[in-house]
């Protein structure tokens, strides 16, 4: 699977999130302490950007700003309605101080 360098890990503080575009797809990268997680930035219920919602690093979830569904950042599975379909997750890691994402070709 191809990998993409998204930028320096130092640019993403613990407890924060950032949006990157990879092959035209909007990817939301979230940082909890020293762990990174990556999900599709678009809610599976409606065309809303998850990056515009609330991120709770303690709970490991992000909330859709449109209807309030929360998604587990580890699995992409919704924790609350009205969403019932998961969002896509991606493998992401810190390699030599860079955020590196695996993205299907």
PDB file of N, CA and C in Angstrom:
ATOM      1  N   UNK A   1       0.850  -1.174   0.000  1.00  0.00           N
ATOM      2  CA  UNK A   1       0.000   0.000   0.000  1.00  0.00           C
ATOM      3  C   UNK A   1       0.896   1.238   0.000  1.00  0.00           C
ATOM      4  N   UNK A   2       0.587   2.213  -0.841  1.00  0.00           N
ATOM      5  CA  UNK A   2       1.402   3.427  -0.897  1.00  0.00           C
ATOM      6  C   UNK A   2       1.342   4.219   0.413  1.00  0.00           C
ATOM      7  N   UNK A   3       2.431   4.874   0.740  1.00  0.00           N
ATOM      8  CA  UNK A   3       2.465   5.729   1.928  1.00  0.00           C
ATOM      9  C   UNK A   3       2.698   7.174   1.502  1.00  0.00           C
ATOM     10  N   UNK A   4       2.180   8.085   2.310  1.00  0.00           N
ATOM     11  CA  UNK A   4       2.268   9.510   2.028  1.00  0.00           C
ATOM     12  C   UNK A   4       2.760  10.230   3.273  1.00  0.00           C
ATOM     13  N   UNK A   5       3.737  11.092   3.107  1.00  0.00           N
ATOM     14  CA  UNK A   5       4.204  11.917   4.198  1.00  0.00           C
ATOM     15  C   UNK A   5       3.317  13.156   4.243  1.00  0.00           C
ATOM     16  N   UNK A   6       2.693  13.395   5.396  1.00  0.00           N
ATOM     17  CA  UNK A   6       1.738  14.491   5.519  1.00  0.00           C
ATOM     18  C   UNK A   6       2.341  15.754   6.120  1.00  0.00           C
ATOM     19  N   UNK A   7       3.498  15.612   6.764  1.00  0.00           N
ATOM     20  CA  UNK A   7       4.135  16.773   7.362  1.00  0.00           C
ATOM     21  C   UNK A   7       4.723  16.428   8.714  1.00  0.00           C
ATOM     22  N   UNK A   8       5.328  17.405   9.361  1.00  0.00           N
ATOM     23  CA  UNK A   8       5.980  17.167  10.647  1.00  0.00           C
ATOM     24  C   UNK A   8       4.982  16.862  11.768  1.00  0.00           C
ATOM     25  N   UNK A   9       5.333  15.879  12.583  1.00  0.00           N
ATOM     26  CA  UNK A   9       4.523  15.546  13.748  1.00  0.00           C
ATOM     27  C   UNK A   9       4.434  16.753  14.681  1.00  0.00           C
ATOM     28  N   UNK A  10       5.469  17.548  14.753  1.00  0.00           N
ATOM     29  CA  UNK A  10       5.500  18.719  15.632  1.00  0.00           C
ATOM     30  C   UNK A  10       4.394  19.719  15.304  1.00  0.00           C
ATOM     31  N   UNK A  11       3.864  19.679  14.079  1.00  0.00           N
ATOM     32  CA  UNK A  11       2.783  20.592  13.685  1.00  0.00           C
ATOM     33  C   UNK A  11       1.421  20.164  14.222  1.00  0.00           C
ATOM     34  N   UNK A  12       1.336  18.955  14.772  1.00  0.00           N
ATOM     35  CA  UNK A  12       0.069  18.425  15.293  1.00  0.00           C
ATOM     36  C   UNK A  12       0.229  18.171  16.791  1.00  0.00           C
ATOM     37  N   UNK A  13      -0.221  19.104  17.577  1.00  0.00           N
ATOM     38  CA  UNK A  13      -0.073  19.012  19.037  1.00  0.00           C
ATOM     39  C   UNK A  13      -0.963  17.909  19.606  1.00  0.00           C
ATOM     40  N   UNK A  14      -0.564  17.302  20.724  1.00  0.00           N
ATOM     41  CA  UNK A  14      -1.438  16.330  21.388  1.00  0.00           C
ATOM     42  C   UNK A  14      -2.807  16.949  21.676  1.00  0.00           C
ATOM     43  N   UNK A  15      -3.863  16.180  21.408  1.00  0.00           N
ATOM     44  CA  UNK A  15      -5.221  16.655  21.630  1.00  0.00           C
ATOM     45  C   UNK A  15      -5.783  17.483  20.498  1.00  0.00           C
ATOM     46  N   UNK A  16      -5.072  17.510  19.370  1.00  0.00           N
ATOM     47  CA  UNK A  16      -5.550  18.304  18.238  1.00  0.00           C
ATOM     48  C   UNK A  16      -5.775  17.423  17.006  1.00  0.00           C
ATOM     49  N   UNK A  17      -6.315  18.040  15.965  1.00  0.00           N
ATOM     50  CA  UNK A  17      -6.591  17.332  14.714  1.00  0.00           C
ATOM     51  C   UNK A  17      -6.277  18.254  13.551  1.00  0.00           C
ATOM     52  N   UNK A  18      -6.026  17.647  12.386  1.00  0.00           N
ATOM     53  CA  UNK A  18      -5.738  18.412  11.172  1.00  0.00           C
ATOM     54  C   UNK A  18      -6.249  17.640   9.968  1.00  0.00           C
ATOM     55  N   UNK A  19      -6.620  18.371   8.941  1.00  0.00           N
ATOM     56  CA  UNK A  19      -7.127  17.767   7.711  1.00  0.00           C
ATOM     57  C   UNK A  19      -6.045  17.806   6.642  1.00  0.00           C
ATOM     58  N   UNK A  20      -5.904  16.686   5.955  1.00  0.00           N
ATOM     59  CA  UNK A  20      -4.971  16.561   4.836  1.00  0.00           C
ATOM     60  C   UNK A  20      -5.741  16.005   3.650  1.00  0.00           C
ATOM     61  N   UNK A  21      -5.296  16.319   2.458  1.00  0.00           N
ATOM     62  CA  UNK A  21      -5.898  15.751   1.256  1.00  0.00           C
ATOM     63  C   UNK A  21      -4.904  14.774   0.651  1.00  0.00           C
ATOM     64  N   UNK A  22      -5.345  13.529   0.498  1.00  0.00           N
ATOM     65  CA  UNK A  22      -4.507  12.474  -0.074  1.00  0.00           C
ATOM     66  C   UNK A  22      -5.253  11.879  -1.255  1.00  0.00           C
ATOM     67  N   UNK A  23      -4.675  11.995  -2.429  1.00  0.00           N
ATOM     68  CA  UNK A  23      -5.301  11.479  -3.648  1.00  0.00           C
ATOM     69  C   UNK A  23      -6.745  11.968  -3.773  1.00  0.00           C
ATOM     70  N   UNK A  24      -6.991  13.204  -3.397  1.00  0.00           N
ATOM     71  CA  UNK A  24      -8.308  13.802  -3.508  1.00  0.00           C
ATOM     72  C   UNK A  24      -9.252  13.508  -2.350  1.00  0.00           C
ATOM     73  N   UNK A  25      -8.830  12.663  -1.422  1.00  0.00           N
ATOM     74  CA  UNK A  25      -9.679  12.294  -0.279  1.00  0.00           C
ATOM     75  C   UNK A  25      -9.343  13.156   0.939  1.00  0.00           C
ATOM     76  N   UNK A  26     -10.373  13.654   1.635  1.00  0.00           N
ATOM     77  CA  UNK A  26     -10.127  14.442   2.845  1.00  0.00           C
ATOM     78  C   UNK A  26      -9.893  13.513   4.043  1.00  0.00           C
ATOM     79  N   UNK A  27      -8.703  13.575   4.614  1.00  0.00           N
ATOM     80  CA  UNK A  27      -8.316  12.703   5.725  1.00  0.00           C
ATOM     81  C   UNK A  27      -8.146  13.540   6.982  1.00  0.00           C
ATOM     82  N   UNK A  28      -8.783  13.116   8.057  1.00  0.00           N
ATOM     83  CA  UNK A  28      -8.669  13.789   9.344  1.00  0.00           C
ATOM     84  C   UNK A  28      -7.695  12.992  10.207  1.00  0.00           C
ATOM     85  N   UNK A  29      -6.598  13.633  10.599  1.00  0.00           N
ATOM     86  CA  UNK A  29      -5.611  13.000  11.474  1.00  0.00           C
ATOM     87  C   UNK A  29      -5.771  13.612  12.861  1.00  0.00           C
ATOM     88  N   UNK A  30      -5.879  12.729  13.859  1.00  0.00           N
ATOM     89  CA  UNK A  30      -6.111  13.151  15.236  1.00  0.00           C
ATOM     90  C   UNK A  30      -4.994  12.609  16.106  1.00  0.00           C
ATOM     91  N   UNK A  31      -4.572  13.423  17.071  1.00  0.00           N
ATOM     92  CA  UNK A  31      -3.479  12.999  17.946  1.00  0.00           C
ATOM     93  C   UNK A  31      -3.969  12.932  19.390  1.00  0.00           C
ATOM     94  N   UNK A  32      -3.742  11.764  20.003  1.00  0.00           N
ATOM     95  CA  UNK A  32      -4.031  11.550  21.418  1.00  0.00           C
ATOM     96  C   UNK A  32      -2.705  11.170  22.063  1.00  0.00           C
ATOM     97  N   UNK A  33      -2.165  12.096  22.863  1.00  0.00           N
ATOM     98  CA  UNK A  33      -0.829  11.908  23.454  1.00  0.00           C
ATOM     99  C   UNK A  33       0.161  11.634  22.327  1.00  0.00           C
ATOM    100  N   UNK A  34       0.772  10.426  22.318  1.00  0.00           N
ATOM    101  CA  UNK A  34       1.738  10.083  21.266  1.00  0.00           C
ATOM    102  C   UNK A  34       1.153   9.178  20.191  1.00  0.00           C
ATOM    103  N   UNK A  35      -0.164   8.935  20.241  1.00  0.00           N
ATOM    104  CA  UNK A  35      -0.818   8.076  19.251  1.00  0.00           C
ATOM    105  C   UNK A  35      -1.483   8.923  18.172  1.00  0.00           C
ATOM    106  N   UNK A  36      -1.434   8.425  16.941  1.00  0.00           N
ATOM    107  CA  UNK A  36      -2.094   9.075  15.815  1.00  0.00           C
ATOM    108  C   UNK A  36      -3.209   8.181  15.286  1.00  0.00           C
ATOM    109  N   UNK A  37      -4.276   8.828  14.834  1.00  0.00           N
ATOM    110  CA  UNK A  37      -5.405   8.121  14.237  1.00  0.00           C
ATOM    111  C   UNK A  37      -5.813   8.886  12.993  1.00  0.00           C
ATOM    112  N   UNK A  38      -6.315   8.174  11.991  1.00  0.00           N
ATOM    113  CA  UNK A  38      -6.732   8.819  10.749  1.00  0.00           C
ATOM    114  C   UNK A  38      -8.049   8.218  10.289  1.00  0.00           C
ATOM    115  N   UNK A  39      -8.990   9.113   9.973  1.00  0.00           N
ATOM    116  CA  UNK A  39     -10.299   8.708   9.475  1.00  0.00           C
ATOM    117  C   UNK A  39     -10.693   9.607   8.318  1.00  0.00           C
ATOM    118  N   UNK A  40     -11.698   9.176   7.550  1.00  0.00           N
ATOM    119  CA  UNK A  40     -12.243  10.038   6.506  1.00  0.00           C
ATOM    120  C   UNK A  40     -12.893  11.236   7.185  1.00  0.00           C
ATOM    121  N   UNK A  41     -12.690  12.413   6.647  1.00  0.00           N
ATOM    122  CA  UNK A  41     -13.184  13.640   7.273  1.00  0.00           C
ATOM    123  C   UNK A  41     -14.668  13.888   7.043  1.00  0.00           C
ATOM    124  N   UNK A  42     -15.327  13.081   6.222  1.00  0.00           N
ATOM    125  CA  UNK A  42     -16.736  13.304   5.900  1.00  0.00           C
ATOM    126  C   UNK A  42     -17.603  12.316   6.676  1.00  0.00           C
ATOM    127  N   UNK A  43     -18.604  12.846   7.384  1.00  0.00           N
ATOM    128  CA  UNK A  43     -19.541  12.019   8.152  1.00  0.00           C
ATOM    129  C   UNK A  43     -20.237  11.022   7.223  1.00  0.00           C
ATOM    130  N   UNK A  44     -20.448   9.816   7.724  1.00  0.00           N
ATOM    131  CA  UNK A  44     -21.115   8.784   6.916  1.00  0.00           C
ATOM    132  C   UNK A  44     -22.623   9.000   6.845  1.00  0.00           C
ATOM    133  N   UNK A  45     -23.171   9.879   7.662  1.00  0.00           N
ATOM    134  CA  UNK A  45     -24.610  10.128   7.680  1.00  0.00           C
ATOM    135  C   UNK A  45     -25.009  11.288   6.769  1.00  0.00           C
ATOM    136  N   UNK A  46     -24.193  12.321   6.774  1.00  0.00           N
ATOM    137  CA  UNK A  46     -24.493  13.506   5.971  1.00  0.00           C
ATOM    138  C   UNK A  46     -23.178  14.113   5.501  1.00  0.00           C
ATOM    139  N   UNK A  47     -23.270  14.991   4.537  1.00  0.00           N
ATOM    140  CA  UNK A  47     -22.073  15.590   3.954  1.00  0.00           C
ATOM    141  C   UNK A  47     -21.563  16.715   4.856  1.00  0.00           C
ATOM    142  N   UNK A  48     -20.995  16.315   6.001  1.00  0.00           N
ATOM    143  CA  UNK A  48     -20.474  17.289   6.956  1.00  0.00           C
ATOM    144  C   UNK A  48     -19.023  16.946   7.265  1.00  0.00           C
ATOM    145  N   UNK A  49     -18.219  17.976   7.511  1.00  0.00           N
ATOM    146  CA  UNK A  49     -16.805  17.772   7.819  1.00  0.00           C
ATOM    147  C   UNK A  49     -16.639  17.509   9.313  1.00  0.00           C
ATOM    148  N   UNK A  50     -16.131  16.341   9.636  1.00  0.00           N
ATOM    149  CA  UNK A  50     -15.918  15.990  11.039  1.00  0.00           C
ATOM    150  C   UNK A  50     -14.924  16.933  11.704  1.00  0.00           C
ATOM    151  N   UNK A  51     -14.021  17.485  10.914  1.00  0.00           N
ATOM    152  CA  UNK A  51     -13.028  18.415  11.455  1.00  0.00           C
ATOM    153  C   UNK A  51     -13.662  19.687  12.003  1.00  0.00           C
ATOM    154  N   UNK A  52     -14.895  19.957  11.644  1.00  0.00           N
ATOM    155  CA  UNK A  52     -15.601  21.136  12.152  1.00  0.00           C
ATOM    156  C   UNK A  52     -16.373  20.821  13.432  1.00  0.00           C
ATOM    157  N   UNK A  53     -16.320  19.560  13.855  1.00  0.00           N
ATOM    158  CA  UNK A  53     -16.990  19.147  15.080  1.00  0.00           C
ATOM    159  C   UNK A  53     -16.025  19.125  16.253  1.00  0.00           C
ATOM    160  N   UNK A  54     -16.520  18.666  17.382  1.00  0.00           N
ATOM    161  CA  UNK A  54     -15.724  18.590  18.606  1.00  0.00           C
ATOM    162  C   UNK A  54     -14.918  17.295  18.642  1.00  0.00           C
ATOM    163  N   UNK A  55     -13.674  17.396  19.064  1.00  0.00           N
ATOM    164  CA  UNK A  55     -12.784  16.244  19.243  1.00  0.00           C
ATOM    165  C   UNK A  55     -12.555  16.077  20.734  1.00  0.00           C
ATOM    166  N   UNK A  56     -12.864  14.878  21.243  1.00  0.00           N
ATOM    167  CA  UNK A  56     -12.640  14.572  22.662  1.00  0.00           C
ATOM    168  C   UNK A  56     -11.541  13.513  22.752  1.00  0.00           C
ATOM    169  N   UNK A  57     -10.287  13.935  22.956  1.00  0.00           N
ATOM    170  CA  UNK A  57      -9.196  12.963  23.008  1.00  0.00           C
ATOM    171  C   UNK A  57      -9.314  11.992  24.176  1.00  0.00           C
ATOM    172  N   UNK A  58      -9.925  12.422  25.285  1.00  0.00           N
ATOM    173  CA  UNK A  58     -10.083  11.527  26.434  1.00  0.00           C
ATOM    174  C   UNK A  58     -11.038  10.379  26.120  1.00  0.00           C
ATOM    175  N   UNK A  59     -12.072  10.653  25.348  1.00  0.00           N
ATOM    176  CA  UNK A  59     -13.048   9.632  24.956  1.00  0.00           C
ATOM    177  C   UNK A  59     -12.672   8.942  23.646  1.00  0.00           C
ATOM    178  N   UNK A  60     -11.716   9.520  22.908  1.00  0.00           N
ATOM    179  CA  UNK A  60     -11.304   8.934  21.629  1.00  0.00           C
ATOM    180  C   UNK A  60     -12.393   9.020  20.582  1.00  0.00           C
ATOM    181  N   UNK A  61     -13.086  10.168  20.549  1.00  0.00           N
ATOM    182  CA  UNK A  61     -14.147  10.313  19.551  1.00  0.00           C
ATOM    183  C   UNK A  61     -14.194  11.729  19.003  1.00  0.00           C
ATOM    184  N   UNK A  62     -14.824  11.846  17.840  1.00  0.00           N
ATOM    185  CA  UNK A  62     -15.048  13.135  17.200  1.00  0.00           C
ATOM    186  C   UNK A  62     -16.540  13.216  16.886  1.00  0.00           C
ATOM    187  N   UNK A  63     -17.096  14.415  17.041  1.00  0.00           N
ATOM    188  CA  UNK A  63     -18.530  14.608  16.851  1.00  0.00           C
ATOM    189  C   UNK A  63     -18.812  15.338  15.552  1.00  0.00           C
ATOM    190  N   UNK A  64     -19.800  14.856  14.816  1.00  0.00           N
ATOM    191  CA  UNK A  64     -20.235  15.529  13.594  1.00  0.00           C
ATOM    192  C   UNK A  64     -20.930  16.833  13.977  1.00  0.00           C
ATOM    193  N   UNK A  65     -20.557  17.947  13.332  1.00  0.00           N
ATOM    194  CA  UNK A  65     -21.158  19.228  13.689  1.00  0.00           C
ATOM    195  C   UNK A  65     -22.601  19.378  13.213  1.00  0.00           C
ATOM    196  N   UNK A  66     -23.046  18.528  12.300  1.00  0.00           N
ATOM    197  CA  UNK A  66     -24.374  18.691  11.712  1.00  0.00           C
ATOM    198  C   UNK A  66     -25.485  18.072  12.557  1.00  0.00           C
ATOM    199  N   UNK A  67     -25.336  16.791  12.904  1.00  0.00           N
ATOM    200  CA  UNK A  67     -26.393  16.099  13.649  1.00  0.00           C
ATOM    201  C   UNK A  67     -25.931  15.511  14.967  1.00  0.00           C
ATOM    202  N   UNK A  68     -24.654  15.674  15.322  1.00  0.00           N
ATOM    203  CA  UNK A  68     -24.180  15.248  16.632  1.00  0.00           C
ATOM    204  C   UNK A  68     -23.752  13.806  16.781  1.00  0.00           C
ATOM    205  N   UNK A  69     -23.709  13.040  15.707  1.00  0.00           N
ATOM    206  CA  UNK A  69     -23.194  11.672  15.821  1.00  0.00           C
ATOM    207  C   UNK A  69     -21.737  11.718  16.245  1.00  0.00           C
ATOM    208  N   UNK A  70     -21.337  10.795  17.094  1.00  0.00           N
ATOM    209  CA  UNK A  70     -19.932  10.697  17.475  1.00  0.00           C
ATOM    210  C   UNK A  70     -19.338   9.444  16.867  1.00  0.00           C
ATOM    211  N   UNK A  71     -18.070   9.524  16.493  1.00  0.00           N
ATOM    212  CA  UNK A  71     -17.364   8.413  15.861  1.00  0.00           C
ATOM    213  C   UNK A  71     -16.126   8.062  16.662  1.00  0.00           C
ATOM    214  N   UNK A  72     -15.903   6.768  16.843  1.00  0.00           N
ATOM    215  CA  UNK A  72     -14.697   6.272  17.499  1.00  0.00           C
ATOM    216  C   UNK A  72     -13.525   6.486  16.544  1.00  0.00           C
ATOM    217  N   UNK A  73     -12.507   7.202  16.983  1.00  0.00           N
ATOM    218  CA  UNK A  73     -11.391   7.509  16.083  1.00  0.00           C
ATOM    219  C   UNK A  73     -10.501   6.302  15.842  1.00  0.00           C
ATOM    220  N   UNK A  74     -10.618   5.264  16.656  1.00  0.00           N
ATOM    221  CA  UNK A  74      -9.819   4.053  16.471  1.00  0.00           C
ATOM    222  C   UNK A  74     -10.414   3.126  15.418  1.00  0.00           C
ATOM    223  N   UNK A  75     -11.747   3.057  15.390  1.00  0.00           N
ATOM    224  CA  UNK A  75     -12.429   2.096  14.518  1.00  0.00           C
ATOM    225  C   UNK A  75     -13.273   2.736  13.428  1.00  0.00           C
ATOM    226  N   UNK A  76     -13.623   4.008  13.601  1.00  0.00           N
ATOM    227  CA  UNK A  76     -14.524   4.678  12.662  1.00  0.00           C
ATOM    228  C   UNK A  76     -15.991   4.391  12.918  1.00  0.00           C
ATOM    229  N   UNK A  77     -16.286   3.525  13.876  1.00  0.00           N
ATOM    230  CA  UNK A  77     -17.661   3.116  14.164  1.00  0.00           C
ATOM    231  C   UNK A  77     -18.390   4.242  14.897  1.00  0.00           C
ATOM    232  N   UNK A  78     -19.640   4.540  14.469  1.00  0.00           N
ATOM    233  CA  UNK A  78     -20.394   5.565  15.180  1.00  0.00           C
ATOM    234  C   UNK A  78     -20.782   5.080  16.576  1.00  0.00           C
ATOM    235  N   UNK A  79     -20.722   5.991  17.524  1.00  0.00           N
ATOM    236  CA  UNK A  79     -21.120   5.684  18.895  1.00  0.00           C
ATOM    237  C   UNK A  79     -22.532   6.173  19.189  1.00  0.00           C
ATOM    238  N   UNK A  80     -23.074   7.006  18.297  1.00  0.00           N
ATOM    239  CA  UNK A  80     -24.413   7.537  18.521  1.00  0.00           C
ATOM    240  C   UNK A  80     -25.101   7.788  17.189  1.00  0.00           C
ATOM    241  N   UNK A  81     -26.409   7.825  17.238  1.00  0.00           N
ATOM    242  CA  UNK A  81     -27.223   8.089  16.060  1.00  0.00           C
ATOM    243  C   UNK A  81     -27.254   9.590  15.790  1.00  0.00           C
ATOM    244  N   UNK A  82     -27.585  10.013  14.588  1.00  0.00           N
ATOM    245  CA  UNK A  82     -28.262   9.246  13.564  1.00  0.00           C
ATOM    246  C   UNK A  82     -27.336   8.430  12.654  1.00  0.00           C
ATOM    247  N   UNK A  83     -26.033   8.615  12.728  1.00  0.00           N
ATOM    248  CA  UNK A  83     -25.125   7.816  11.875  1.00  0.00           C
ATOM    249  C   UNK A  83     -25.146   6.365  12.322  1.00  0.00           C
ATOM    250  N   UNK A  84     -25.101   5.457  11.351  1.00  0.00           N
ATOM    251  CA  UNK A  84     -25.023   4.037  11.669  1.00  0.00           C
ATOM    252  C   UNK A  84     -23.958   3.331  10.844  1.00  0.00           C
ATOM    253  N   UNK A  85     -23.437   4.010   9.830  1.00  0.00           N
ATOM    254  CA  UNK A  85     -22.350   3.470   9.020  1.00  0.00           C
ATOM    255  C   UNK A  85     -21.021   4.032   9.526  1.00  0.00           C
ATOM    256  N   UNK A  86     -19.980   3.194   9.601  1.00  0.00           N
ATOM    257  CA  UNK A  86     -18.678   3.720  10.034  1.00  0.00           C
ATOM    258  C   UNK A  86     -18.034   4.590   8.956  1.00  0.00           C
ATOM    259  N   UNK A  87     -17.095   5.422   9.389  1.00  0.00           N
ATOM    260  CA  UNK A  87     -16.253   6.151   8.451  1.00  0.00           C
ATOM    261  C   UNK A  87     -14.976   5.326   8.266  1.00  0.00           C
ATOM    262  N   UNK A  88     -14.343   5.490   7.131  1.00  0.00           N
ATOM    263  CA  UNK A  88     -13.127   4.735   6.825  1.00  0.00           C
ATOM    264  C   UNK A  88     -11.988   5.192   7.732  1.00  0.00           C
ATOM    265  N   UNK A  89     -11.210   4.216   8.201  1.00  0.00           N
ATOM    266  CA  UNK A  89     -10.014   4.514   8.980  1.00  0.00           C
ATOM    267  C   UNK A  89      -8.789   4.165   8.145  1.00  0.00           C
ATOM    268  N   UNK A  90      -7.671   4.768   8.493  1.00  0.00           N
ATOM    269  CA  UNK A  90      -6.419   4.554   7.763  1.00  0.00           C
ATOM    270  C   UNK A  90      -5.288   4.324   8.758  1.00  0.00           C
ATOM    271  N   UNK A  91      -4.284   3.565   8.332  1.00  0.00           N
ATOM    272  CA  UNK A  91      -3.089   3.386   9.141  1.00  0.00           C
ATOM    273  C   UNK A  91      -2.249   4.654   9.048  1.00  0.00           C
ATOM    274  N   UNK A  92      -1.852   5.157  10.215  1.00  0.00           N
ATOM    275  CA  UNK A  92      -1.051   6.366  10.276  1.00  0.00           C
ATOM    276  C   UNK A  92      -0.035   6.191  11.400  1.00  0.00           C
ATOM    277  N   UNK A  93       1.143   6.772  11.217  1.00  0.00           N
ATOM    278  CA  UNK A  93       2.202   6.635  12.224  1.00  0.00           C
ATOM    279  C   UNK A  93       3.147   7.825  12.132  1.00  0.00           C
ATOM    280  N   UNK A  94       3.972   7.932  13.149  1.00  0.00           N
ATOM    281  CA  UNK A  94       5.052   8.913  13.136  1.00  0.00           C
ATOM    282  C   UNK A  94       6.329   8.168  12.779  1.00  0.00           C
ATOM    283  N   UNK A  95       6.979   8.613  11.713  1.00  0.00           N
ATOM    284  CA  UNK A  95       8.221   7.995  11.250  1.00  0.00           C
ATOM    285  C   UNK A  95       9.260   9.100  11.088  1.00  0.00           C
ATOM    286  N   UNK A  96      10.312   9.021  11.878  1.00  0.00           N
ATOM    287  CA  UNK A  96      11.376  10.025  11.821  1.00  0.00           C
ATOM    288  C   UNK A  96      10.831  11.452  11.931  1.00  0.00           C
ATOM    289  N   UNK A  97       9.842  11.642  12.825  1.00  0.00           N
ATOM    290  CA  UNK A  97       9.294  12.968  13.053  1.00  0.00           C
ATOM    291  C   UNK A  97       8.284  13.436  12.029  1.00  0.00           C
ATOM    292  N   UNK A  98       7.909  12.560  11.087  1.00  0.00           N
ATOM    293  CA  UNK A  98       6.926  12.893  10.061  1.00  0.00           C
ATOM    294  C   UNK A  98       5.658  12.062  10.256  1.00  0.00           C
ATOM    295  N   UNK A  99       4.513  12.647   9.920  1.00  0.00           N
ATOM    296  CA  UNK A  99       3.253  11.898   9.916  1.00  0.00           C
ATOM    297  C   UNK A  99       3.177  11.158   8.595  1.00  0.00           C
ATOM    298  N   UNK A 100       3.066   9.838   8.664  1.00  0.00           N
ATOM    299  CA  UNK A 100       3.055   8.997   7.465  1.00  0.00           C
ATOM    300  C   UNK A 100       1.743   8.202   7.432  1.00  0.00           C
ATOM    301  N   UNK A 101       1.038   8.270   6.315  1.00  0.00           N
ATOM    302  CA  UNK A 101      -0.268   7.633   6.148  1.00  0.00           C
ATOM    303  C   UNK A 101      -0.206   6.584   5.054  1.00  0.00           C
ATOM    304  N   UNK A 102      -0.800   5.417   5.331  1.00  0.00           N
ATOM    305  CA  UNK A 102      -0.994   4.405   4.280  1.00  0.00           C
ATOM    306  C   UNK A 102      -2.349   4.690   3.640  1.00  0.00           C
ATOM    307  N   UNK A 103      -2.354   4.745   2.315  1.00  0.00           N
ATOM    308  CA  UNK A 103      -3.595   5.034   1.589  1.00  0.00           C
ATOM    309  C   UNK A 103      -3.696   4.089   0.411  1.00  0.00           C
ATOM    310  N   UNK A 104      -4.849   3.416   0.251  1.00  0.00           N
ATOM    311  CA  UNK A 104      -4.983   2.446  -0.846  1.00  0.00           C
ATOM    312  C   UNK A 104      -4.840   3.105  -2.204  1.00  0.00           C
ATOM    313  N   UNK A 105      -4.223   2.385  -3.104  1.00  0.00           N
ATOM    314  CA  UNK A 105      -4.004   2.895  -4.454  1.00  0.00           C
ATOM    315  C   UNK A 105      -5.298   2.884  -5.249  1.00  0.00           C
TER     316      UNK A 105
END
